[in-house]
Amino acid sequence: MAVGAGVSEQDQVFTKCAWRLIPFMGLLYLVNFIDRSNVSYAALTMNKQLGFSPSVFGFGAGIFFVGYALFQVPANVILERIGARRWVFCILAVWGLLSASTALVHSPTSFYVLRFFLGIAEAGFAPGMFLYLTYWFPRGHLARFTSYFMVAIPLSYVIGGPLSTLVLKMDGLAGIHGWQWMFLIEGLPAFLLSFVTLKLLPDRPKDAPWLNTDEKKTIAERCSAGEPQGQPDLWSALRDPRLLALGLASFTFQAAAYGLALWAPQILQAMDFSNLAIGFIIALLFVGGIPAMILVGRSSSIRGERIWHVALPFLLAASGVVLVSIAHSHIIVLGALALAVISNFAAYGPFFTLPSSFLRGTALAGGIGLFSTLGSFGGFFGPSIMGVLRQASGAYTSSLLAVALGYVLAALIVIGVGRALASRRGDVGPSG
């Protein structure tokens, strides 16, 4: 990961921080996303063994995001008050135990309950890390460094797909189903890494033993100088129409993204691929998202533009999904899926840093939480509506078209926000 590429000599302190923090943060996010999305691979055998219908699975996969959404604003306010080190330790330890406990699922109700509480446990991590990055890097650097951090998302599918489908082959070992082994094995790393967090994650630059006094001063001055104007209190963020509009875009985008990601293994299964082949196909599809995320994030930071770096990838993703829904050739379907997945990830860095363009202080902490909260409800809606449409029609065409619509709506909202703010000094504007 070329964290320091393109950084001027005066910015070496931020390169140093990036190398110290982002690889470990990325590792945590990698584990986070594997634990969040491994239910999609469990479904390949779990659904049949437990008698789960498409609508039961879709609701259970999606209800994670209800719990996830409800706790994000308070979780970020807690992080702001007690510090990242202790708070992330608590988050990791609890989510690791709950993720492993999903192996105990035996009915739709137990599936719903465990997924809901897993969502609550994980709620503070991703928005907390977005806030944490603003403590270390000026606003002009955030799209690039956020992209480096978020490389963990496509990488989680590259690693998690083959790993999960290989573990499924342990079915029957010690009298335990393969999908149960998967939850047990993949829940353990989060719990163990929680203790490493106490050593490797300083609360803020002033607490980092590997920074000297001058470096700490440089970070404080540069981050302070890059803060936008506006009230720093929480209420000012929660009623800001710019944030609410972006939250709606996050809702439609994440409905599409999670709908596609959590159903992709079963879409491939319907094409008669084996479970093991599905894991490796998913890995190949998602690996292209890594360079796309890095390149678009760097381009956004270099050009000082975010709106079109978000909207164009969203529209390309929609095009890919539409093609998947109408194509009959397996080769065309796989190529279109690759286009959708790569375009989806390309927008991540610029998109998830948009709230930091016009919020600061506690307003930024709560604003990122609200932005993520609204997006998380999309994470519930997307997989759920796909399950309903799939069960009603017996095919994936209508559900995939719903995914495409989500991407298009997200792009239009982001473009609208950019146009509305273009004349306001210090805001996102057309350049973001």
Protein backbone atom coordinates (compact mmCIF):
# COMPACT_ATOMS: atom_id res chain seq x y z
CA MET A 1 0.00 0.00 0.00
CA ALA A 2 1.73 3.16 -1.24
CA VAL A 3 0.70 5.32 1.67
CA GLY A 4 3.37 7.91 1.14
CA ALA A 5 3.20 8.24 -2.62
CA GLY A 6 2.89 11.78 -3.89
CA VAL A 7 3.39 13.43 -0.48
CA SER A 8 5.58 16.57 -0.32
CA GLU A 9 8.50 16.90 2.08
CA GLN A 10 6.58 19.21 4.42
CA ASP A 11 3.91 16.55 4.80
CA GLN A 12 6.22 13.74 5.89
CA VAL A 13 4.72 13.75 9.37
CA PHE A 14 1.38 12.66 7.89
CA THR A 15 3.10 9.89 5.94
CA LYS A 16 4.65 8.77 9.22
CA CYS A 17 1.25 8.74 10.92
CA ALA A 18 -0.26 6.87 8.00
CA TRP A 19 2.33 4.11 8.13
CA ARG A 20 1.93 3.81 11.89
CA LEU A 21 -1.87 3.78 12.01
CA ILE A 22 -3.53 2.79 8.74
CA PRO A 23 -2.17 -0.77 8.34
CA PHE A 24 -3.44 -1.72 11.81
CA MET A 25 -6.72 0.18 11.37
CA GLY A 26 -7.11 -1.56 8.01
CA LEU A 27 -6.54 -4.94 9.63
CA LEU A 28 -9.30 -4.21 12.14
CA TYR A 29 -11.63 -3.11 9.34
CA LEU A 30 -10.77 -6.26 7.38
CA VAL A 31 -11.84 -8.41 10.33
CA ASN A 32 -14.89 -6.18 10.81
CA PHE A 33 -16.11 -6.68 7.27
CA ILE A 34 -15.47 -10.42 7.26
CA ASP A 35 -17.57 -10.74 10.41
CA ARG A 36 -20.26 -8.50 8.94
CA SER A 37 -20.55 -10.23 5.57
CA ASN A 38 -19.65 -13.89 6.23
CA VAL A 39 -23.36 -14.63 6.66
CA SER A 40 -23.60 -14.45 2.85
CA TYR A 41 -21.33 -17.51 2.58
CA ALA A 42 -22.98 -19.28 5.52
CA ALA A 43 -26.23 -19.02 3.56
CA LEU A 44 -24.88 -21.43 0.93
CA THR A 45 -25.44 -24.32 3.37
CA MET A 46 -27.09 -22.79 6.46
CA ASN A 47 -30.31 -21.80 4.68
CA LYS A 48 -31.02 -25.36 3.57
CA GLN A 49 -30.00 -26.97 6.87
CA LEU A 50 -32.12 -24.57 8.95
CA GLY A 51 -34.96 -24.24 6.44
CA PHE A 52 -34.53 -20.47 5.89
CA SER A 53 -36.48 -19.00 2.97
CA PRO A 54 -35.05 -16.13 0.87
CA SER A 55 -37.14 -13.61 2.80
CA VAL A 56 -35.99 -15.01 6.19
CA PHE A 57 -32.35 -14.83 5.13
CA GLY A 58 -32.75 -11.36 3.61
CA PHE A 59 -34.39 -10.02 6.77
CA GLY A 60 -31.81 -11.63 9.04
CA ALA A 61 -28.90 -10.38 6.95
CA GLY A 62 -30.41 -6.91 6.90
CA ILE A 63 -31.51 -6.57 10.53
CA PHE A 64 -27.84 -6.32 11.48
CA PHE A 65 -28.01 -2.78 10.09
CA VAL A 66 -30.95 -1.77 12.26
CA GLY A 67 -28.90 -2.38 15.40
CA TYR A 68 -25.89 -0.91 13.61
CA ALA A 69 -27.80 2.25 12.75
CA LEU A 70 -29.34 2.89 16.16
CA PHE A 71 -26.05 3.11 18.04
CA GLN A 72 -23.75 5.03 15.68
CA VAL A 73 -24.38 8.58 16.85
CA PRO A 74 -24.04 7.79 20.58
CA ALA A 75 -21.04 5.55 19.83
CA ASN A 76 -19.15 8.38 18.12
CA VAL A 77 -20.00 10.82 20.92
CA ILE A 78 -18.62 8.26 23.41
CA LEU A 79 -15.41 7.92 21.38
CA GLU A 80 -15.01 11.70 21.33
CA ARG A 81 -15.33 11.78 25.13
CA ILE A 82 -13.38 8.73 26.36
CA GLY A 83 -10.92 8.26 23.50
CA ALA A 84 -10.45 5.75 20.70
CA ARG A 85 -8.14 3.38 22.55
CA ARG A 86 -10.53 2.16 25.25
CA TRP A 87 -13.67 2.46 23.16
CA VAL A 88 -12.36 0.44 20.20
CA PHE A 89 -11.11 -2.20 22.65
CA CYS A 90 -14.66 -2.62 23.99
CA ILE A 91 -16.17 -2.70 20.50
CA LEU A 92 -13.79 -5.38 19.22
CA ALA A 93 -14.11 -7.65 22.23
CA VAL A 94 -17.91 -7.65 22.23
CA TRP A 95 -18.38 -8.00 18.47
CA GLY A 96 -15.86 -10.88 18.33
CA LEU A 97 -17.81 -12.84 20.94
CA LEU A 98 -21.17 -12.13 19.31
CA SER A 99 -19.91 -13.05 15.85
CA ALA A 100 -18.68 -16.41 17.13
CA SER A 101 -22.02 -16.90 18.90
CA THR A 102 -23.83 -16.83 15.55
CA ALA A 103 -22.77 -20.49 15.32
CA LEU A 104 -25.54 -21.16 17.86
CA VAL A 105 -28.33 -19.97 15.52
CA HIS A 106 -31.08 -22.61 15.21
CA SER A 107 -34.23 -20.69 14.17
CA PRO A 108 -35.25 -17.48 12.38
CA THR A 109 -35.77 -15.75 15.74
CA SER A 110 -32.31 -16.62 17.08
CA PHE A 111 -30.83 -15.56 13.72
CA TYR A 112 -32.57 -12.19 13.89
CA VAL A 113 -31.62 -11.56 17.53
CA LEU A 114 -27.92 -12.36 17.14
CA ARG A 115 -27.60 -10.35 13.92
CA PHE A 116 -29.34 -7.38 15.56
CA PHE A 117 -27.01 -7.36 18.58
CA LEU A 118 -23.96 -7.92 16.39
CA GLY A 119 -24.99 -4.74 14.56
CA ILE A 120 -25.13 -2.84 17.86
CA ALA A 121 -21.69 -4.16 18.84
CA GLU A 122 -20.07 -3.15 15.54
CA ALA A 123 -21.89 0.18 15.24
CA GLY A 124 -19.15 2.38 16.67
CA PHE A 125 -16.21 1.01 14.73
CA ALA A 126 -16.41 2.33 11.14
CA PRO A 127 -17.80 5.82 11.93
CA GLY A 128 -15.37 5.96 14.85
CA MET A 129 -12.45 5.31 12.51
CA PHE A 130 -13.67 7.98 10.07
CA LEU A 131 -13.71 10.44 12.98
CA TYR A 132 -10.35 9.17 14.23
CA LEU A 133 -8.73 9.90 10.86
CA THR A 134 -9.75 13.57 11.17
CA TYR A 135 -7.64 13.82 14.35
CA TRP A 136 -4.49 12.93 12.40
CA PHE A 137 -4.89 14.27 8.86
CA PRO A 138 -5.94 17.66 7.37
CA ARG A 139 -9.16 17.74 5.33
CA GLY A 140 -7.26 17.92 2.06
CA HIS A 141 -5.58 14.58 2.81
CA LEU A 142 -8.65 12.70 4.03
CA ALA A 143 -10.01 11.25 0.77
CA ARG A 144 -6.66 9.63 0.00
CA PHE A 145 -5.94 8.26 3.46
CA THR A 146 -9.54 7.19 3.96
CA SER A 147 -9.27 5.25 0.70
CA TYR A 148 -6.15 3.47 1.98
CA PHE A 149 -8.00 2.53 5.16
CA MET A 150 -11.09 1.37 3.26
CA VAL A 151 -9.07 -0.92 0.99
CA ALA A 152 -9.86 -3.38 3.77
CA ILE A 153 -13.43 -3.70 2.45
CA PRO A 154 -12.69 -5.25 -0.98
CA LEU A 155 -9.74 -7.09 0.59
CA SER A 156 -12.14 -8.67 3.09
CA TYR A 157 -13.99 -10.28 0.19
CA VAL A 158 -10.76 -11.33 -1.49
CA ILE A 159 -9.68 -13.11 1.70
CA GLY A 160 -13.06 -13.86 3.23
CA GLY A 161 -14.60 -15.51 0.16
CA PRO A 162 -12.05 -18.32 -0.27
CA LEU A 163 -11.55 -18.64 3.50
CA SER A 164 -15.26 -18.94 4.27
CA THR A 165 -15.99 -21.44 1.52
CA LEU A 166 -12.97 -23.54 2.51
CA VAL A 167 -14.17 -23.61 6.12
CA LEU A 168 -17.62 -24.71 4.91
CA LYS A 169 -15.92 -27.92 3.77
CA MET A 170 -15.27 -28.74 7.45
CA ASP A 171 -18.94 -29.75 7.63
CA GLY A 172 -19.43 -32.58 10.13
CA LEU A 173 -16.05 -32.21 11.85
CA ALA A 174 -16.59 -32.85 15.59
CA GLY A 175 -20.31 -32.95 14.85
CA ILE A 176 -20.39 -29.26 13.90
CA HIS A 177 -21.75 -27.87 10.62
CA GLY A 178 -19.35 -26.07 8.29
CA TRP A 179 -21.20 -22.76 8.61
CA GLN A 180 -20.90 -23.04 12.40
CA TRP A 181 -17.14 -23.58 12.14
CA MET A 182 -16.99 -20.50 9.93
CA PHE A 183 -18.61 -18.23 12.53
CA LEU A 184 -16.46 -19.67 15.34
CA ILE A 185 -13.16 -19.34 13.47
CA GLU A 186 -13.84 -15.90 11.99
CA GLY A 187 -15.15 -14.39 15.23
CA LEU A 188 -11.95 -15.14 17.20
CA PRO A 189 -9.56 -12.56 15.59
CA ALA A 190 -11.66 -9.55 16.63
CA PHE A 191 -11.60 -10.63 20.26
CA LEU A 192 -7.83 -11.20 20.25
CA LEU A 193 -7.06 -7.95 18.41
CA SER A 194 -9.02 -5.96 20.99
CA PHE A 195 -6.08 -6.35 23.37
CA VAL A 196 -3.55 -5.29 20.71
CA THR A 197 -5.59 -2.11 20.22
CA LEU A 198 -4.73 -0.97 23.74
CA LYS A 199 -1.07 -0.80 22.72
CA LEU A 200 -1.16 0.36 19.10
CA LEU A 201 -3.99 2.92 18.91
CA PRO A 202 -3.22 6.27 20.66
CA ASP A 203 -6.24 8.42 21.42
CA ARG A 204 -4.87 11.48 19.60
CA PRO A 205 -1.54 12.75 18.19
CA LYS A 206 -0.60 14.29 21.55
CA ASP A 207 -0.71 10.78 23.06
CA ALA A 208 1.52 9.12 20.43
CA PRO A 209 4.95 8.20 21.89
CA TRP A 210 6.42 7.89 18.39
CA LEU A 211 5.82 11.59 17.57
CA ASN A 212 8.14 14.34 18.80
CA THR A 213 6.94 17.72 20.05
CA ASP A 214 7.40 19.50 16.72
CA GLU A 215 5.51 16.78 14.84
CA LYS A 216 2.60 16.95 17.27
CA LYS A 217 2.52 20.73 16.85
CA THR A 218 2.54 20.44 13.05
CA ILE A 219 -0.38 18.02 13.08
CA ALA A 220 -2.40 20.21 15.47
CA GLU A 221 -1.78 23.36 13.41
CA ARG A 222 -2.49 21.80 10.02
CA CYS A 223 -5.66 20.02 11.16
CA SER A 224 -6.93 23.13 12.91
CA ALA A 225 -6.19 25.33 9.89
CA GLY A 226 -8.16 22.98 7.63
CA GLU A 227 -11.31 23.00 9.75
CA PRO A 228 -14.39 24.40 8.02
CA GLN A 229 -16.37 27.29 9.50
CA GLY A 230 -19.56 26.60 11.40
CA GLN A 231 -20.86 25.67 14.82
CA PRO A 232 -19.06 22.72 16.44
CA ASP A 233 -21.99 21.56 18.60
CA LEU A 234 -23.85 18.31 18.00
CA TRP A 235 -27.31 19.81 17.42
CA SER A 236 -26.06 22.05 14.61
CA ALA A 237 -24.93 18.94 12.71
CA LEU A 238 -28.04 16.85 13.29
CA ARG A 239 -30.31 19.51 11.76
CA ASP A 240 -27.98 20.49 8.90
CA PRO A 241 -29.85 19.93 5.57
CA ARG A 242 -26.55 19.24 3.79
CA LEU A 243 -25.85 16.33 6.10
CA LEU A 244 -29.40 15.01 5.85
CA ALA A 245 -29.19 15.04 2.05
CA LEU A 246 -25.88 13.19 2.12
CA GLY A 247 -27.39 10.76 4.63
CA LEU A 248 -30.16 10.00 2.13
CA ALA A 249 -27.50 9.39 -0.53
CA SER A 250 -25.74 7.08 1.90
CA PHE A 251 -29.02 5.22 2.47
CA THR A 252 -29.63 4.54 -1.21
CA PHE A 253 -25.97 3.74 -1.91
CA GLN A 254 -25.61 1.27 0.95
CA ALA A 255 -28.96 -0.34 0.16
CA ALA A 256 -27.55 -1.07 -3.29
CA ALA A 257 -24.04 -2.02 -2.15
CA TYR A 258 -25.09 -4.41 0.62
CA GLY A 259 -27.94 -5.84 -1.41
CA LEU A 260 -25.46 -6.78 -4.13
CA ALA A 261 -22.67 -7.96 -1.81
CA LEU A 262 -24.76 -10.11 0.54
CA TRP A 263 -26.63 -11.80 -2.30
CA ALA A 264 -23.70 -12.20 -4.72
CA PRO A 265 -22.77 -15.72 -3.50
CA GLN A 266 -26.34 -16.96 -4.02
CA ILE A 267 -26.54 -15.26 -7.44
CA LEU A 268 -23.43 -17.23 -8.42
CA GLN A 269 -24.85 -20.39 -6.86
CA ALA A 270 -27.90 -20.01 -9.14
CA MET A 271 -25.42 -20.09 -12.06
CA ASP A 272 -24.42 -23.62 -10.90
CA PHE A 273 -20.99 -22.73 -9.53
CA SER A 274 -19.78 -24.87 -6.62
CA ASN A 275 -19.45 -23.34 -3.15
CA LEU A 276 -15.64 -23.40 -3.35
CA ALA A 277 -15.66 -21.84 -6.83
CA ILE A 278 -17.99 -19.10 -5.57
CA GLY A 279 -15.47 -18.10 -2.90
CA PHE A 280 -12.69 -17.68 -5.43
CA ILE A 281 -14.90 -15.94 -8.01
CA ILE A 282 -15.97 -13.41 -5.35
CA ALA A 283 -12.29 -12.86 -4.52
CA LEU A 284 -11.46 -12.15 -8.17
CA LEU A 285 -14.44 -9.83 -8.59
CA PHE A 286 -13.54 -7.78 -5.53
CA VAL A 287 -9.77 -7.61 -6.00
CA GLY A 288 -10.27 -5.01 -8.74
CA GLY A 289 -11.87 -2.70 -6.18
CA ILE A 290 -8.54 -2.23 -4.39
CA PRO A 291 -6.62 -0.26 -7.07
CA ALA A 292 -9.83 1.56 -8.05
CA MET A 293 -10.33 2.75 -4.48
CA ILE A 294 -6.72 3.91 -4.14
CA LEU A 295 -6.53 5.66 -7.51
CA VAL A 296 -9.85 7.50 -7.22
CA GLY A 297 -9.08 8.52 -3.62
CA ARG A 298 -5.70 9.94 -4.67
CA SER A 299 -7.23 11.66 -7.67
CA SER A 300 -9.87 13.27 -5.46
CA SER A 301 -7.26 14.60 -3.02
CA ILE A 302 -4.93 15.87 -5.75
CA ARG A 303 -7.70 17.64 -7.65
CA GLY A 304 -9.61 18.82 -4.60
CA GLU A 305 -12.81 17.42 -6.14
CA ARG A 306 -15.22 14.95 -4.58
CA ILE A 307 -18.67 15.24 -6.14
CA TRP A 308 -17.88 13.76 -9.56
CA HIS A 309 -15.39 11.31 -8.05
CA VAL A 310 -18.46 9.90 -6.26
CA ALA A 311 -21.28 10.32 -8.79
CA LEU A 312 -19.57 8.85 -11.86
CA PRO A 313 -18.56 5.57 -10.15
CA PHE A 314 -22.09 5.23 -8.78
CA LEU A 315 -23.54 5.56 -12.29
CA LEU A 316 -21.04 3.03 -13.66
CA ALA A 317 -22.01 0.60 -10.88
CA ALA A 318 -25.67 1.01 -11.83
CA SER A 319 -24.83 0.23 -15.46
CA GLY A 320 -23.01 -2.95 -14.44
CA VAL A 321 -25.93 -4.16 -12.31
CA VAL A 322 -28.46 -3.53 -15.09
CA LEU A 323 -26.29 -5.58 -17.43
CA VAL A 324 -26.16 -8.42 -14.89
CA SER A 325 -29.96 -8.42 -14.72
CA ILE A 326 -30.47 -8.80 -18.48
CA ALA A 327 -27.45 -10.84 -19.64
CA HIS A 328 -27.65 -14.58 -20.26
CA SER A 329 -23.99 -15.37 -20.91
CA HIS A 330 -22.02 -16.30 -17.80
CA ILE A 331 -19.00 -14.43 -19.11
CA ILE A 332 -21.00 -11.23 -19.60
CA VAL A 333 -22.61 -11.58 -16.17
CA LEU A 334 -19.23 -11.99 -14.48
CA GLY A 335 -17.78 -9.04 -16.40
CA ALA A 336 -20.76 -6.86 -15.49
CA LEU A 337 -20.49 -7.90 -11.83
CA ALA A 338 -16.82 -6.92 -11.92
CA LEU A 339 -17.72 -3.50 -13.35
CA ALA A 340 -20.36 -2.97 -10.66
CA VAL A 341 -18.09 -4.04 -7.80
CA ILE A 342 -15.05 -2.04 -8.97
CA SER A 343 -17.12 1.11 -9.57
CA ASN A 344 -18.83 0.69 -6.20
CA PHE A 345 -15.53 0.73 -4.33
CA ALA A 346 -13.98 3.50 -6.42
CA ALA A 347 -16.29 6.06 -4.78
CA TYR A 348 -15.64 5.09 -1.16
CA GLY A 349 -12.82 7.46 -0.19
CA PRO A 350 -14.36 10.69 -1.50
CA PHE A 351 -17.90 9.73 -0.47
CA PHE A 352 -17.27 8.89 3.17
CA THR A 353 -15.24 12.07 3.76
CA LEU A 354 -17.93 14.45 2.47
CA PRO A 355 -19.29 15.34 5.97
CA SER A 356 -15.81 16.50 7.06
CA SER A 357 -15.97 19.16 4.36
CA PHE A 358 -18.40 21.31 6.35
CA LEU A 359 -18.50 19.96 9.94
CA ARG A 360 -16.05 20.23 12.83
CA GLY A 361 -15.64 19.32 16.49
CA THR A 362 -18.47 17.46 18.19
CA ALA A 363 -20.65 18.34 15.21
CA LEU A 364 -18.34 16.26 13.04
CA ALA A 365 -18.43 13.33 15.49
CA GLY A 366 -22.23 13.32 15.60
CA GLY A 367 -22.52 14.19 11.92
CA ILE A 368 -20.44 11.21 10.82
CA GLY A 369 -22.55 9.08 13.14
CA LEU A 370 -25.81 10.33 11.61
CA PHE A 371 -24.45 10.00 8.06
CA SER A 372 -23.47 6.39 8.82
CA THR A 373 -26.75 5.74 10.63
CA LEU A 374 -28.89 6.69 7.65
CA GLY A 375 -26.63 4.62 5.41
CA SER A 376 -26.98 1.65 7.74
CA PHE A 377 -30.76 1.66 7.39
CA GLY A 378 -30.02 1.24 3.69
CA GLY A 379 -27.94 -1.80 4.64
CA PHE A 380 -31.08 -3.28 6.19
CA PHE A 381 -33.41 -2.29 3.35
CA GLY A 382 -31.21 -3.52 0.47
CA PRO A 383 -30.73 -7.20 1.42
CA SER A 384 -34.29 -7.40 2.76
CA ILE A 385 -35.98 -6.06 -0.37
CA MET A 386 -33.80 -8.31 -2.52
CA GLY A 387 -35.02 -11.30 -0.52
CA VAL A 388 -38.67 -10.26 -0.91
CA LEU A 389 -38.34 -9.62 -4.66
CA ARG A 390 -36.37 -12.82 -5.18
CA GLN A 391 -38.99 -14.90 -3.37
CA ALA A 392 -41.89 -13.20 -5.15
CA SER A 393 -40.49 -13.51 -8.67
CA GLY A 394 -38.35 -16.63 -8.42
CA ALA A 395 -35.54 -14.79 -10.23
CA TYR A 396 -33.04 -11.99 -9.56
CA THR A 397 -34.03 -9.56 -12.35
CA SER A 398 -36.33 -7.28 -10.36
CA SER A 399 -34.09 -7.27 -7.28
CA LEU A 400 -31.03 -6.34 -9.35
CA LEU A 401 -32.91 -3.50 -11.02
CA ALA A 402 -33.76 -2.22 -7.53
CA VAL A 403 -30.03 -2.26 -6.73
CA ALA A 404 -29.28 -0.26 -9.88
CA LEU A 405 -31.93 2.29 -8.92
CA GLY A 406 -30.23 2.74 -5.54
CA TYR A 407 -26.93 3.64 -7.20
CA VAL A 408 -28.61 6.09 -9.59
CA LEU A 409 -30.50 7.85 -6.80
CA ALA A 410 -27.31 8.16 -4.73
CA ALA A 411 -25.47 9.72 -7.69
CA LEU A 412 -28.26 12.23 -8.36
CA ILE A 413 -28.45 13.29 -4.71
CA VAL A 414 -24.68 13.82 -4.49
CA ILE A 415 -24.73 15.89 -7.69
CA GLY A 416 -27.64 17.92 -6.31
CA VAL A 417 -25.82 18.60 -3.04
CA GLY A 418 -22.73 19.69 -4.95
CA ARG A 419 -24.71 22.12 -7.10
CA ALA A 420 -26.62 23.52 -4.15
CA LEU A 421 -23.41 24.27 -2.26
CA ALA A 422 -21.34 25.51 -5.19
CA SER A 423 -21.66 29.18 -4.28
CA ARG A 424 -21.08 28.74 -0.53
CA ARG A 425 -17.52 29.44 0.46
CA GLY A 426 -15.87 26.70 2.51
CA ASP A 427 -18.51 24.08 1.75
CA VAL A 428 -18.47 21.03 -0.48
CA GLY A 429 -19.44 22.88 -3.63
CA PRO A 430 -19.02 21.38 -7.08
CA SER A 431 -15.48 20.35 -6.27
CA GLY A 432 -16.19 18.84 -2.87
